[in-house]
Amino acid sequence: MEPSQQRRRALAVLVILHTLIICASNYLVQLPIEIAGFHTTWGAFSFPLIFVTTDLTVRLMGKRSARKLIAQVMLPALILSYVISVLWQQGAFRGFGALLEWNTFVARIALASFSAYVFGQLLDIQVFDRLRRLPQWWIAPTASTIFGMLIDTLAFFAVAFYRGPDPFMAQHWLEIGIVDYVIKLIIGLLLFVPLYGALLNLLLRMLGRLDGHG
């Protein structure tokens, strides 16, 4: 297979992964949980994967391909997130008839995800691209994860839940957002940064680029 074909195939796989992770996270963010007395959501455990896929795209294909990835993911993820979250709002299947009624709660989540994804991922790409040539491979994904997740989380929870129709989320959105960020950061740094390193080596082998991490 030609290198250009390999890159197109890899980009297509990353687009699908991004879309699936966003849709899953937008559904899981509707399900609040309590950890050590703090409120957060199950989405905190799934969304950090998005930064792994973005950083891998920048590392392997460059900043331009990463921005192209975001452009391809935005609209499908927005539509699918709304549909899935309406059908299974707060963990219960509501039937296809639910799609015939406009759901403000879910629409705000989808719009918030759209906004947060764009701002968070563009910052992630910028930070990662500036640091990716450092000899220590872990610095770029660590720094981009810290800053990208911060912007993403603040934008998402403010747009989705500030003065929103759900009383619980409207009251606790800031607390949930802060706890969500801390949890995502811990998960990202302890689990997904090492996962990034493992996947990078695997993809480099698949792409036939065993000449280093740059």
N, C-alpha and C. Protein backbone atom coordinates (compact mmCIF):
# COMPACT_ATOMS: atom_id res chain seq x y z
N MET A 1 0.84 -1.20 0.00
CA MET A 1 0.00 0.00 0.00
C MET A 1 0.87 1.25 0.00
N GLU A 2 0.50 2.23 -0.83
CA GLU A 2 1.25 3.47 -0.93
C GLU A 2 1.14 4.27 0.38
N PRO A 3 2.22 5.05 0.70
CA PRO A 3 2.17 5.86 1.93
C PRO A 3 0.97 6.79 1.99
N SER A 4 0.58 7.38 0.83
CA SER A 4 -0.57 8.28 0.83
C SER A 4 -1.86 7.54 1.16
N GLN A 5 -1.98 6.31 0.67
CA GLN A 5 -3.15 5.50 0.99
C GLN A 5 -3.17 5.12 2.46
N GLN A 6 -1.99 4.81 3.00
CA GLN A 6 -1.89 4.49 4.41
C GLN A 6 -2.34 5.66 5.27
N ARG A 7 -1.92 6.85 4.90
CA ARG A 7 -2.29 8.04 5.66
C ARG A 7 -3.80 8.30 5.58
N ARG A 8 -4.37 8.14 4.41
CA ARG A 8 -5.81 8.34 4.26
C ARG A 8 -6.59 7.33 5.09
N ARG A 9 -6.13 6.09 5.08
CA ARG A 9 -6.80 5.06 5.87
C ARG A 9 -6.67 5.37 7.36
N ALA A 10 -5.48 5.77 7.78
CA ALA A 10 -5.27 6.09 9.19
C ALA A 10 -6.13 7.27 9.61
N LEU A 11 -6.24 8.29 8.74
CA LEU A 11 -7.06 9.46 9.03
C LEU A 11 -8.54 9.07 9.14
N ALA A 12 -8.99 8.19 8.26
CA ALA A 12 -10.38 7.74 8.29
C ALA A 12 -10.68 7.01 9.60
N VAL A 13 -9.75 6.17 10.05
CA VAL A 13 -9.92 5.46 11.31
C VAL A 13 -9.99 6.45 12.47
N LEU A 14 -9.15 7.47 12.45
CA LEU A 14 -9.15 8.47 13.51
C LEU A 14 -10.44 9.29 13.52
N VAL A 15 -10.97 9.59 12.35
CA VAL A 15 -12.25 10.31 12.27
C VAL A 15 -13.35 9.49 12.94
N ILE A 16 -13.39 8.20 12.64
CA ILE A 16 -14.40 7.32 13.24
C ILE A 16 -14.23 7.25 14.75
N LEU A 17 -12.99 7.12 15.21
CA LEU A 17 -12.72 7.06 16.65
C LEU A 17 -13.16 8.34 17.35
N HIS A 18 -12.82 9.49 16.78
CA HIS A 18 -13.23 10.76 17.36
C HIS A 18 -14.74 10.84 17.49
N THR A 19 -15.44 10.48 16.43
CA THR A 19 -16.91 10.57 16.43
C THR A 19 -17.51 9.66 17.48
N LEU A 20 -17.01 8.44 17.58
CA LEU A 20 -17.53 7.48 18.56
C LEU A 20 -17.27 7.96 19.99
N ILE A 21 -16.08 8.47 20.24
CA ILE A 21 -15.74 8.93 21.59
C ILE A 21 -16.60 10.12 21.99
N ILE A 22 -16.80 11.06 21.06
CA ILE A 22 -17.63 12.23 21.34
C ILE A 22 -19.07 11.81 21.64
N CYS A 23 -19.62 10.94 20.81
CA CYS A 23 -21.00 10.50 21.01
C CYS A 23 -21.16 9.78 22.35
N ALA A 24 -20.22 8.89 22.65
CA ALA A 24 -20.28 8.16 23.92
C ALA A 24 -20.16 9.12 25.10
N SER A 25 -19.26 10.07 25.01
CA SER A 25 -19.05 11.02 26.11
C SER A 25 -20.25 11.93 26.31
N ASN A 26 -20.89 12.36 25.21
CA ASN A 26 -22.06 13.22 25.33
C ASN A 26 -23.24 12.48 25.95
N TYR A 27 -23.31 11.18 25.74
CA TYR A 27 -24.33 10.39 26.42
C TYR A 27 -23.96 10.20 27.90
N LEU A 28 -22.72 9.86 28.16
CA LEU A 28 -22.30 9.57 29.54
C LEU A 28 -22.30 10.81 30.42
N VAL A 29 -22.15 12.00 29.82
CA VAL A 29 -22.13 13.21 30.63
C VAL A 29 -23.51 13.51 31.22
N GLN A 30 -24.54 12.86 30.72
CA GLN A 30 -25.88 13.02 31.29
C GLN A 30 -26.06 12.21 32.57
N LEU A 31 -25.10 11.33 32.87
CA LEU A 31 -25.25 10.41 33.99
C LEU A 31 -24.32 10.84 35.12
N PRO A 32 -24.83 11.59 36.09
CA PRO A 32 -23.97 12.07 37.19
C PRO A 32 -23.62 10.96 38.17
N ILE A 33 -22.44 11.06 38.75
CA ILE A 33 -22.01 10.14 39.80
C ILE A 33 -21.35 10.97 40.90
N GLU A 34 -21.16 10.35 42.06
CA GLU A 34 -20.52 11.03 43.17
C GLU A 34 -19.29 10.25 43.59
N ILE A 35 -18.16 10.94 43.67
CA ILE A 35 -16.90 10.33 44.07
C ILE A 35 -16.33 11.10 45.24
N ALA A 36 -16.20 10.43 46.37
CA ALA A 36 -15.67 11.05 47.59
C ALA A 36 -16.41 12.35 47.94
N GLY A 37 -17.71 12.35 47.72
CA GLY A 37 -18.51 13.51 48.06
C GLY A 37 -18.58 14.58 46.99
N PHE A 38 -17.87 14.39 45.87
CA PHE A 38 -17.87 15.37 44.78
C PHE A 38 -18.71 14.85 43.61
N HIS A 39 -19.43 15.76 42.96
CA HIS A 39 -20.27 15.39 41.83
C HIS A 39 -19.47 15.46 40.52
N THR A 40 -19.63 14.44 39.70
CA THR A 40 -19.05 14.45 38.35
C THR A 40 -19.94 13.59 37.47
N THR A 41 -19.48 13.24 36.28
CA THR A 41 -20.27 12.40 35.38
C THR A 41 -19.39 11.28 34.83
N TRP A 42 -20.05 10.27 34.26
CA TRP A 42 -19.31 9.15 33.67
C TRP A 42 -18.52 9.58 32.43
N GLY A 43 -18.89 10.73 31.85
CA GLY A 43 -18.17 11.21 30.68
C GLY A 43 -16.72 11.55 30.96
N ALA A 44 -16.40 11.79 32.23
CA ALA A 44 -15.02 12.12 32.61
C ALA A 44 -14.07 10.97 32.33
N PHE A 45 -14.61 9.76 32.24
CA PHE A 45 -13.76 8.59 32.06
C PHE A 45 -13.56 8.21 30.59
N SER A 46 -14.35 8.79 29.71
CA SER A 46 -14.24 8.42 28.30
C SER A 46 -13.60 9.50 27.44
N PHE A 47 -13.86 10.77 27.75
CA PHE A 47 -13.43 11.84 26.85
C PHE A 47 -11.91 12.02 26.73
N PRO A 48 -11.11 11.73 27.75
CA PRO A 48 -9.66 11.90 27.57
C PRO A 48 -9.08 11.14 26.38
N LEU A 49 -9.78 10.10 25.92
CA LEU A 49 -9.30 9.37 24.74
C LEU A 49 -9.20 10.25 23.51
N ILE A 50 -10.02 11.31 23.46
CA ILE A 50 -10.02 12.18 22.29
C ILE A 50 -8.68 12.87 22.13
N PHE A 51 -8.03 13.20 23.25
CA PHE A 51 -6.74 13.88 23.19
C PHE A 51 -5.63 12.93 22.73
N VAL A 52 -5.78 11.65 23.05
CA VAL A 52 -4.83 10.66 22.55
C VAL A 52 -4.87 10.60 21.03
N THR A 53 -6.09 10.51 20.48
CA THR A 53 -6.21 10.40 19.03
C THR A 53 -5.76 11.68 18.32
N THR A 54 -6.05 12.84 18.91
CA THR A 54 -5.61 14.10 18.31
C THR A 54 -4.09 14.21 18.31
N ASP A 55 -3.47 13.90 19.45
CA ASP A 55 -2.02 13.99 19.55
C ASP A 55 -1.32 13.01 18.61
N LEU A 56 -1.91 11.83 18.46
CA LEU A 56 -1.34 10.87 17.51
C LEU A 56 -1.43 11.40 16.08
N THR A 57 -2.52 12.07 15.77
CA THR A 57 -2.67 12.65 14.42
C THR A 57 -1.62 13.71 14.16
N VAL A 58 -1.40 14.60 15.14
CA VAL A 58 -0.37 15.64 14.97
C VAL A 58 1.00 15.02 14.83
N ARG A 59 1.30 14.03 15.67
CA ARG A 59 2.62 13.39 15.65
C ARG A 59 2.89 12.71 14.33
N LEU A 60 1.91 11.97 13.82
CA LEU A 60 2.13 11.14 12.64
C LEU A 60 1.88 11.86 11.32
N MET A 61 0.96 12.83 11.33
CA MET A 61 0.53 13.42 10.07
C MET A 61 0.69 14.93 10.00
N GLY A 62 0.95 15.57 11.15
CA GLY A 62 1.16 17.01 11.14
C GLY A 62 -0.07 17.79 11.56
N LYS A 63 0.15 19.07 11.84
CA LYS A 63 -0.91 19.94 12.33
C LYS A 63 -2.03 20.12 11.31
N ARG A 64 -1.70 20.20 10.05
CA ARG A 64 -2.71 20.42 9.02
C ARG A 64 -3.70 19.25 8.97
N SER A 65 -3.19 18.03 9.04
CA SER A 65 -4.07 16.86 9.03
C SER A 65 -4.94 16.80 10.28
N ALA A 66 -4.39 17.23 11.41
CA ALA A 66 -5.17 17.24 12.64
C ALA A 66 -6.33 18.22 12.55
N ARG A 67 -6.08 19.39 11.96
CA ARG A 67 -7.17 20.36 11.78
C ARG A 67 -8.20 19.85 10.78
N LYS A 68 -7.73 19.14 9.77
CA LYS A 68 -8.66 18.54 8.81
C LYS A 68 -9.52 17.49 9.50
N LEU A 69 -8.91 16.76 10.41
CA LEU A 69 -9.65 15.76 11.18
C LEU A 69 -10.78 16.41 11.97
N ILE A 70 -10.49 17.51 12.65
CA ILE A 70 -11.50 18.21 13.42
C ILE A 70 -12.64 18.68 12.53
N ALA A 71 -12.30 19.23 11.37
CA ALA A 71 -13.32 19.72 10.44
C ALA A 71 -14.24 18.60 9.97
N GLN A 72 -13.68 17.40 9.76
CA GLN A 72 -14.48 16.28 9.29
C GLN A 72 -15.36 15.69 10.38
N VAL A 73 -14.93 15.82 11.62
CA VAL A 73 -15.65 15.20 12.74
C VAL A 73 -16.78 16.08 13.25
N MET A 74 -16.65 17.40 13.18
CA MET A 74 -17.54 18.31 13.90
C MET A 74 -19.03 18.07 13.63
N LEU A 75 -19.44 18.16 12.38
CA LEU A 75 -20.86 18.08 12.06
C LEU A 75 -21.44 16.68 12.31
N PRO A 76 -20.80 15.59 11.84
CA PRO A 76 -21.36 14.26 12.15
C PRO A 76 -21.46 14.00 13.64
N ALA A 77 -20.45 14.42 14.41
CA ALA A 77 -20.49 14.20 15.85
C ALA A 77 -21.61 14.99 16.50
N LEU A 78 -21.84 16.21 16.02
CA LEU A 78 -22.92 17.05 16.56
C LEU A 78 -24.28 16.39 16.33
N ILE A 79 -24.53 15.93 15.11
CA ILE A 79 -25.82 15.33 14.79
C ILE A 79 -26.02 14.00 15.52
N LEU A 80 -25.01 13.14 15.47
CA LEU A 80 -25.13 11.83 16.11
C LEU A 80 -25.26 11.96 17.61
N SER A 81 -24.54 12.91 18.20
CA SER A 81 -24.63 13.11 19.64
C SER A 81 -26.05 13.48 20.05
N TYR A 82 -26.66 14.37 19.27
CA TYR A 82 -28.02 14.78 19.58
C TYR A 82 -28.98 13.60 19.47
N VAL A 83 -28.89 12.87 18.38
CA VAL A 83 -29.80 11.74 18.15
C VAL A 83 -29.66 10.68 19.24
N ILE A 84 -28.43 10.27 19.53
CA ILE A 84 -28.21 9.22 20.52
C ILE A 84 -28.64 9.67 21.91
N SER A 85 -28.32 10.91 22.26
CA SER A 85 -28.65 11.41 23.59
C SER A 85 -30.14 11.62 23.78
N VAL A 86 -30.87 11.95 22.70
CA VAL A 86 -32.32 12.07 22.79
C VAL A 86 -32.95 10.69 22.96
N LEU A 87 -32.48 9.73 22.18
CA LEU A 87 -33.06 8.39 22.24
C LEU A 87 -32.82 7.72 23.59
N TRP A 88 -31.63 7.97 24.16
CA TRP A 88 -31.30 7.34 25.45
C TRP A 88 -31.01 8.41 26.51
N GLN A 89 -31.93 9.35 26.66
CA GLN A 89 -31.71 10.44 27.60
C GLN A 89 -31.67 9.92 29.03
N GLN A 90 -30.59 10.27 29.74
CA GLN A 90 -30.38 9.90 31.14
C GLN A 90 -30.50 8.41 31.37
N GLY A 91 -30.03 7.63 30.39
CA GLY A 91 -29.90 6.18 30.57
C GLY A 91 -31.11 5.36 30.22
N ALA A 92 -32.20 5.98 29.81
CA ALA A 92 -33.42 5.23 29.48
C ALA A 92 -33.81 5.46 28.03
N PHE A 93 -34.13 4.36 27.32
CA PHE A 93 -34.55 4.48 25.92
C PHE A 93 -35.94 5.10 25.86
N ARG A 94 -36.08 6.21 25.13
CA ARG A 94 -37.32 6.98 25.11
C ARG A 94 -38.14 6.74 23.84
N GLY A 95 -37.62 5.92 22.94
CA GLY A 95 -38.35 5.63 21.71
C GLY A 95 -38.04 6.64 20.62
N PHE A 96 -38.25 6.22 19.37
CA PHE A 96 -37.91 7.07 18.23
C PHE A 96 -38.83 8.29 18.12
N GLY A 97 -39.98 8.22 18.78
CA GLY A 97 -40.87 9.37 18.77
C GLY A 97 -40.27 10.58 19.45
N ALA A 98 -39.29 10.34 20.32
CA ALA A 98 -38.65 11.45 21.03
C ALA A 98 -37.92 12.37 20.06
N LEU A 99 -37.53 11.84 18.90
CA LEU A 99 -36.82 12.66 17.92
C LEU A 99 -37.73 13.69 17.26
N LEU A 100 -39.03 13.49 17.39
CA LEU A 100 -39.98 14.42 16.76
C LEU A 100 -40.16 15.68 17.59
N GLU A 101 -39.67 15.67 18.83
CA GLU A 101 -39.79 16.83 19.70
C GLU A 101 -38.41 17.41 19.96
N TRP A 102 -38.29 18.73 19.90
CA TRP A 102 -37.01 19.40 20.15
C TRP A 102 -36.66 19.27 21.63
N ASN A 103 -35.46 18.77 21.91
CA ASN A 103 -35.00 18.54 23.28
C ASN A 103 -33.94 19.58 23.61
N THR A 104 -34.31 20.61 24.37
CA THR A 104 -33.38 21.70 24.67
C THR A 104 -32.21 21.22 25.50
N PHE A 105 -32.46 20.35 26.47
CA PHE A 105 -31.41 19.84 27.35
C PHE A 105 -30.32 19.14 26.54
N VAL A 106 -30.73 18.22 25.68
CA VAL A 106 -29.77 17.47 24.87
C VAL A 106 -29.13 18.36 23.82
N ALA A 107 -29.92 19.29 23.24
CA ALA A 107 -29.37 20.19 22.23
C ALA A 107 -28.26 21.04 22.80
N ARG A 108 -28.43 21.49 24.04
CA ARG A 108 -27.37 22.29 24.66
C ARG A 108 -26.11 21.46 24.89
N ILE A 109 -26.29 20.19 25.24
CA ILE A 109 -25.14 19.31 25.41
C ILE A 109 -24.41 19.12 24.09
N ALA A 110 -25.18 18.90 23.01
CA ALA A 110 -24.57 18.71 21.69
C ALA A 110 -23.84 19.97 21.25
N LEU A 111 -24.47 21.14 21.43
CA LEU A 111 -23.83 22.40 21.06
C LEU A 111 -22.60 22.67 21.92
N ALA A 112 -22.70 22.37 23.21
CA ALA A 112 -21.56 22.55 24.11
C ALA A 112 -20.40 21.64 23.70
N SER A 113 -20.74 20.42 23.33
CA SER A 113 -19.70 19.49 22.89
C SER A 113 -19.02 19.99 21.62
N PHE A 114 -19.83 20.52 20.70
CA PHE A 114 -19.31 21.08 19.46
C PHE A 114 -18.33 22.21 19.76
N SER A 115 -18.75 23.16 20.61
CA SER A 115 -17.91 24.32 20.94
C SER A 115 -16.64 23.89 21.68
N ALA A 116 -16.83 23.05 22.69
CA ALA A 116 -15.69 22.62 23.50
C ALA A 116 -14.70 21.81 22.68
N TYR A 117 -15.23 20.95 21.81
CA TYR A 117 -14.35 20.13 20.97
C TYR A 117 -13.48 20.99 20.07
N VAL A 118 -14.09 21.97 19.43
CA VAL A 118 -13.33 22.83 18.52
C VAL A 118 -12.25 23.61 19.28
N PHE A 119 -12.64 24.31 20.35
CA PHE A 119 -11.67 25.12 21.09
C PHE A 119 -10.61 24.26 21.76
N GLY A 120 -11.05 23.18 22.41
CA GLY A 120 -10.11 22.32 23.13
C GLY A 120 -9.12 21.64 22.21
N GLN A 121 -9.63 21.12 21.08
CA GLN A 121 -8.75 20.40 20.18
C GLN A 121 -7.79 21.33 19.43
N LEU A 122 -8.25 22.51 19.05
CA LEU A 122 -7.35 23.45 18.38
C LEU A 122 -6.22 23.88 19.31
N LEU A 123 -6.54 24.10 20.60
CA LEU A 123 -5.49 24.43 21.56
C LEU A 123 -4.57 23.24 21.77
N ASP A 124 -5.14 22.06 21.86
CA ASP A 124 -4.35 20.84 22.02
C ASP A 124 -3.36 20.69 20.86
N ILE A 125 -3.85 20.91 19.65
CA ILE A 125 -3.00 20.78 18.46
C ILE A 125 -1.86 21.80 18.51
N GLN A 126 -2.19 23.04 18.85
CA GLN A 126 -1.18 24.10 18.87
C GLN A 126 -0.09 23.82 19.89
N VAL A 127 -0.49 23.43 21.10
CA VAL A 127 0.48 23.14 22.16
C VAL A 127 1.33 21.93 21.78
N PHE A 128 0.65 20.88 21.31
CA PHE A 128 1.38 19.66 20.97
C PHE A 128 2.37 19.90 19.83
N ASP A 129 1.94 20.64 18.82
CA ASP A 129 2.81 20.88 17.67
C ASP A 129 4.08 21.64 18.05
N ARG A 130 3.95 22.56 19.01
CA ARG A 130 5.12 23.33 19.44
C ARG A 130 6.12 22.48 20.24
N LEU A 131 5.63 21.41 20.86
CA LEU A 131 6.48 20.64 21.78
C LEU A 131 6.86 19.27 21.24
N ARG A 132 6.29 18.86 20.12
CA ARG A 132 6.46 17.47 19.69
C ARG A 132 7.87 17.11 19.25
N ARG A 133 8.69 18.11 18.96
CA ARG A 133 10.05 17.79 18.52
C ARG A 133 11.05 17.67 19.68
N LEU A 134 10.58 17.87 20.89
CA LEU A 134 11.45 17.67 22.05
C LEU A 134 11.84 16.20 22.15
N PRO A 135 13.04 15.91 22.61
CA PRO A 135 13.47 14.50 22.69
C PRO A 135 12.63 13.67 23.65
N GLN A 136 12.08 14.29 24.69
CA GLN A 136 11.23 13.56 25.63
C GLN A 136 9.82 13.47 25.04
N TRP A 137 9.42 12.31 24.54
CA TRP A 137 8.16 12.15 23.82
C TRP A 137 6.94 12.49 24.66
N TRP A 138 7.04 12.34 25.97
CA TRP A 138 5.88 12.48 26.84
C TRP A 138 5.52 13.94 27.16
N ILE A 139 6.43 14.89 26.91
CA ILE A 139 6.16 16.28 27.28
C ILE A 139 5.01 16.86 26.45
N ALA A 140 5.03 16.63 25.14
CA ALA A 140 4.00 17.19 24.26
C ALA A 140 2.60 16.69 24.61
N PRO A 141 2.37 15.36 24.72
CA PRO A 141 1.01 14.92 25.06
C PRO A 141 0.57 15.33 26.46
N THR A 142 1.52 15.43 27.39
CA THR A 142 1.17 15.84 28.75
C THR A 142 0.72 17.30 28.78
N ALA A 143 1.50 18.19 28.18
CA ALA A 143 1.16 19.62 28.18
C ALA A 143 -0.12 19.88 27.39
N SER A 144 -0.26 19.26 26.24
CA SER A 144 -1.45 19.49 25.42
C SER A 144 -2.70 18.96 26.11
N THR A 145 -2.56 17.86 26.83
CA THR A 145 -3.70 17.31 27.58
C THR A 145 -4.13 18.25 28.69
N ILE A 146 -3.18 18.80 29.43
CA ILE A 146 -3.49 19.71 30.53
C ILE A 146 -4.25 20.93 30.04
N PHE A 147 -3.73 21.60 29.03
CA PHE A 147 -4.35 22.85 28.57
C PHE A 147 -5.59 22.59 27.72
N GLY A 148 -5.53 21.57 26.86
CA GLY A 148 -6.67 21.27 26.00
C GLY A 148 -7.89 20.86 26.81
N MET A 149 -7.68 20.01 27.82
CA MET A 149 -8.79 19.57 28.66
C MET A 149 -9.38 20.71 29.47
N LEU A 150 -8.53 21.64 29.91
CA LEU A 150 -9.02 22.77 30.70
C LEU A 150 -10.01 23.61 29.89
N ILE A 151 -9.62 24.01 28.68
CA ILE A 151 -10.49 24.81 27.83
C ILE A 151 -11.73 24.03 27.45
N ASP A 152 -11.54 22.77 27.09
CA ASP A 152 -12.66 21.92 26.69
C ASP A 152 -13.69 21.81 27.82
N THR A 153 -13.23 21.53 29.03
CA THR A 153 -14.14 21.31 30.15
C THR A 153 -14.90 22.58 30.52
N LEU A 154 -14.19 23.70 30.61
CA LEU A 154 -14.85 24.96 30.96
C LEU A 154 -15.89 25.35 29.91
N ALA A 155 -15.52 25.24 28.65
CA ALA A 155 -16.46 25.60 27.58
C ALA A 155 -17.67 24.67 27.59
N PHE A 156 -17.43 23.39 27.76
CA PHE A 156 -18.53 22.43 27.70
C PHE A 156 -19.54 22.66 28.81
N PHE A 157 -19.10 22.70 30.04
CA PHE A 157 -20.04 22.79 31.16
C PHE A 157 -20.74 24.14 31.22
N ALA A 158 -20.07 25.20 30.82
CA ALA A 158 -20.71 26.51 30.81
C ALA A 158 -21.82 26.57 29.77
N VAL A 159 -21.55 26.10 28.56
CA VAL A 159 -22.55 26.15 27.50
C VAL A 159 -23.68 25.15 27.76
N ALA A 160 -23.35 23.97 28.26
CA ALA A 160 -24.35 22.91 28.41
C ALA A 160 -25.30 23.13 29.58
N PHE A 161 -24.78 23.63 30.70
CA PHE A 161 -25.57 23.54 31.92
C PHE A 161 -25.82 24.86 32.65
N TYR A 162 -25.10 25.93 32.33
CA TYR A 162 -25.32 27.19 33.03
C TYR A 162 -26.73 27.70 32.76
N ARG A 163 -27.52 27.82 33.84
CA ARG A 163 -28.92 28.24 33.73
C ARG A 163 -29.70 27.37 32.75
N GLY A 164 -29.38 26.08 32.72
CA GLY A 164 -30.05 25.16 31.83
C GLY A 164 -31.34 24.61 32.41
N PRO A 165 -32.05 23.76 31.64
CA PRO A 165 -33.35 23.24 32.07
C PRO A 165 -33.27 22.15 33.15
N ASP A 166 -32.11 21.54 33.35
CA ASP A 166 -31.95 20.52 34.38
C ASP A 166 -31.53 21.20 35.68
N PRO A 167 -32.39 21.20 36.72
CA PRO A 167 -32.09 21.93 37.95
C PRO A 167 -30.81 21.48 38.64
N PHE A 168 -30.59 20.16 38.69
CA PHE A 168 -29.39 19.65 39.36
C PHE A 168 -28.13 20.11 38.67
N MET A 169 -28.09 19.94 37.35
CA MET A 169 -26.90 20.31 36.59
C MET A 169 -26.72 21.83 36.57
N ALA A 170 -27.83 22.58 36.53
CA ALA A 170 -27.73 24.03 36.55
C ALA A 170 -27.14 24.54 37.86
N GLN A 171 -27.46 23.85 38.96
CA GLN A 171 -26.96 24.25 40.27
C GLN A 171 -25.52 23.83 40.50
N HIS A 172 -25.14 22.67 39.99
CA HIS A 172 -23.83 22.09 40.33
C HIS A 172 -22.85 22.09 39.17
N TRP A 173 -23.14 22.81 38.07
CA TRP A 173 -22.31 22.68 36.87
C TRP A 173 -20.85 23.05 37.11
N LEU A 174 -20.60 24.09 37.91
CA LEU A 174 -19.22 24.50 38.13
C LEU A 174 -18.46 23.46 38.95
N GLU A 175 -19.11 22.97 40.01
CA GLU A 175 -18.48 21.93 40.83
C GLU A 175 -18.23 20.68 40.00
N ILE A 176 -19.24 20.28 39.23
CA ILE A 176 -19.11 19.08 38.40
C ILE A 176 -18.01 19.28 37.36
N GLY A 177 -17.94 20.49 36.79
CA GLY A 177 -16.91 20.77 35.78
C GLY A 177 -15.52 20.69 36.35
N ILE A 178 -15.31 21.24 37.55
CA ILE A 178 -13.99 21.21 38.18
C ILE A 178 -13.59 19.78 38.51
N VAL A 179 -14.52 19.04 39.13
CA VAL A 179 -14.22 17.64 39.46
C VAL A 179 -14.00 16.83 38.20
N ASP A 180 -14.81 17.11 37.18
CA ASP A 180 -14.67 16.42 35.90
C ASP A 180 -13.28 16.66 35.30
N TYR A 181 -12.83 17.92 35.37
CA TYR A 181 -11.49 18.23 34.84
C TYR A 181 -10.40 17.51 35.61
N VAL A 182 -10.50 17.50 36.94
CA VAL A 182 -9.48 16.84 37.76
C VAL A 182 -9.44 15.35 37.46
N ILE A 183 -10.61 14.73 37.36
CA ILE A 183 -10.67 13.30 37.08
C ILE A 183 -10.11 13.00 35.69
N LYS A 184 -10.54 13.81 34.70
CA LYS A 184 -10.03 13.60 33.34
C LYS A 184 -8.53 13.80 33.28
N LEU A 185 -8.02 14.76 34.04
CA LEU A 185 -6.59 15.03 34.04
C LEU A 185 -5.82 13.86 34.65
N ILE A 186 -6.32 13.35 35.76
CA ILE A 186 -5.67 12.19 36.40
C ILE A 186 -5.67 10.99 35.46
N ILE A 187 -6.84 10.72 34.90
CA ILE A 187 -6.95 9.59 33.98
C ILE A 187 -6.05 9.80 32.76
N GLY A 188 -6.07 11.02 32.23
CA GLY A 188 -5.27 11.31 31.05
C GLY A 188 -3.79 11.14 31.28
N LEU A 189 -3.30 11.65 32.42
CA LEU A 189 -1.86 11.62 32.69
C LEU A 189 -1.38 10.23 33.13
N LEU A 190 -2.21 9.53 33.90
CA LEU A 190 -1.79 8.24 34.43
C LEU A 190 -2.02 7.09 33.45
N LEU A 191 -3.07 7.20 32.66
CA LEU A 191 -3.42 6.09 31.77
C LEU A 191 -3.24 6.40 30.29
N PHE A 192 -3.73 7.55 29.86
CA PHE A 192 -3.80 7.79 28.42
C PHE A 192 -2.51 8.36 27.83
N VAL A 193 -1.69 9.05 28.62
CA VAL A 193 -0.39 9.46 28.09
C VAL A 193 0.49 8.22 27.83
N PRO A 194 0.56 7.26 28.78
CA PRO A 194 1.26 6.01 28.46
C PRO A 194 0.62 5.26 27.30
N LEU A 195 -0.73 5.30 27.22
CA LEU A 195 -1.41 4.66 26.10
C LEU A 195 -1.00 5.32 24.79
N TYR A 196 -0.87 6.65 24.80
CA TYR A 196 -0.40 7.37 23.63
C TYR A 196 0.95 6.82 23.17
N GLY A 197 1.88 6.64 24.12
CA GLY A 197 3.20 6.13 23.77
C GLY A 197 3.12 4.74 23.15
N ALA A 198 2.28 3.88 23.70
CA ALA A 198 2.15 2.52 23.18
C ALA A 198 1.52 2.53 21.79
N LEU A 199 0.46 3.33 21.61
CA LEU A 199 -0.19 3.40 20.31
C LEU A 199 0.71 4.04 19.26
N LEU A 200 1.51 5.01 19.68
CA LEU A 200 2.42 5.65 18.74
C LEU A 200 3.39 4.63 18.16
N ASN A 201 3.99 3.81 19.02
CA ASN A 201 4.91 2.78 18.55
C ASN A 201 4.20 1.80 17.62
N LEU A 202 2.98 1.42 17.98
CA LEU A 202 2.23 0.48 17.15
C LEU A 202 1.93 1.08 15.77
N LEU A 203 1.45 2.33 15.75
CA LEU A 203 1.12 2.96 14.48
C LEU A 203 2.34 3.22 13.62
N LEU A 204 3.45 3.53 14.27
CA LEU A 204 4.69 3.73 13.51
C LEU A 204 5.10 2.44 12.80
N ARG A 205 4.90 1.32 13.46
CA ARG A 205 5.19 0.03 12.83
C ARG A 205 4.23 -0.23 11.68
N MET A 206 2.95 0.08 11.91
CA MET A 206 1.96 -0.14 10.85
C MET A 206 2.23 0.72 9.65
N LEU A 207 2.70 1.93 9.88
CA LEU A 207 2.97 2.87 8.78
C LEU A 207 4.37 2.70 8.21
N GLY A 208 5.12 1.79 8.79
CA GLY A 208 6.47 1.54 8.28
C GLY A 208 7.43 2.67 8.58
N ARG A 209 7.20 3.39 9.71
CA ARG A 209 8.04 4.52 10.05
C ARG A 209 8.74 4.24 11.39
N LEU A 210 9.73 3.40 11.33
CA LEU A 210 10.43 2.99 12.54
C LEU A 210 11.70 3.81 12.76
N ASP A 211 11.74 5.00 12.17
CA ASP A 211 12.95 5.81 12.26
C ASP A 211 12.86 6.84 13.38
N GLY A 212 11.97 6.65 14.33
CA GLY A 212 11.92 7.56 15.46
C GLY A 212 10.53 8.13 15.69
N HIS A 213 10.38 8.94 16.71
CA HIS A 213 9.08 9.50 17.08
C HIS A 213 8.82 10.83 16.41
N GLY A 214 9.69 11.40 15.71
CA GLY A 214 9.45 12.73 15.13
C GLY A 214 8.77 12.65 13.82
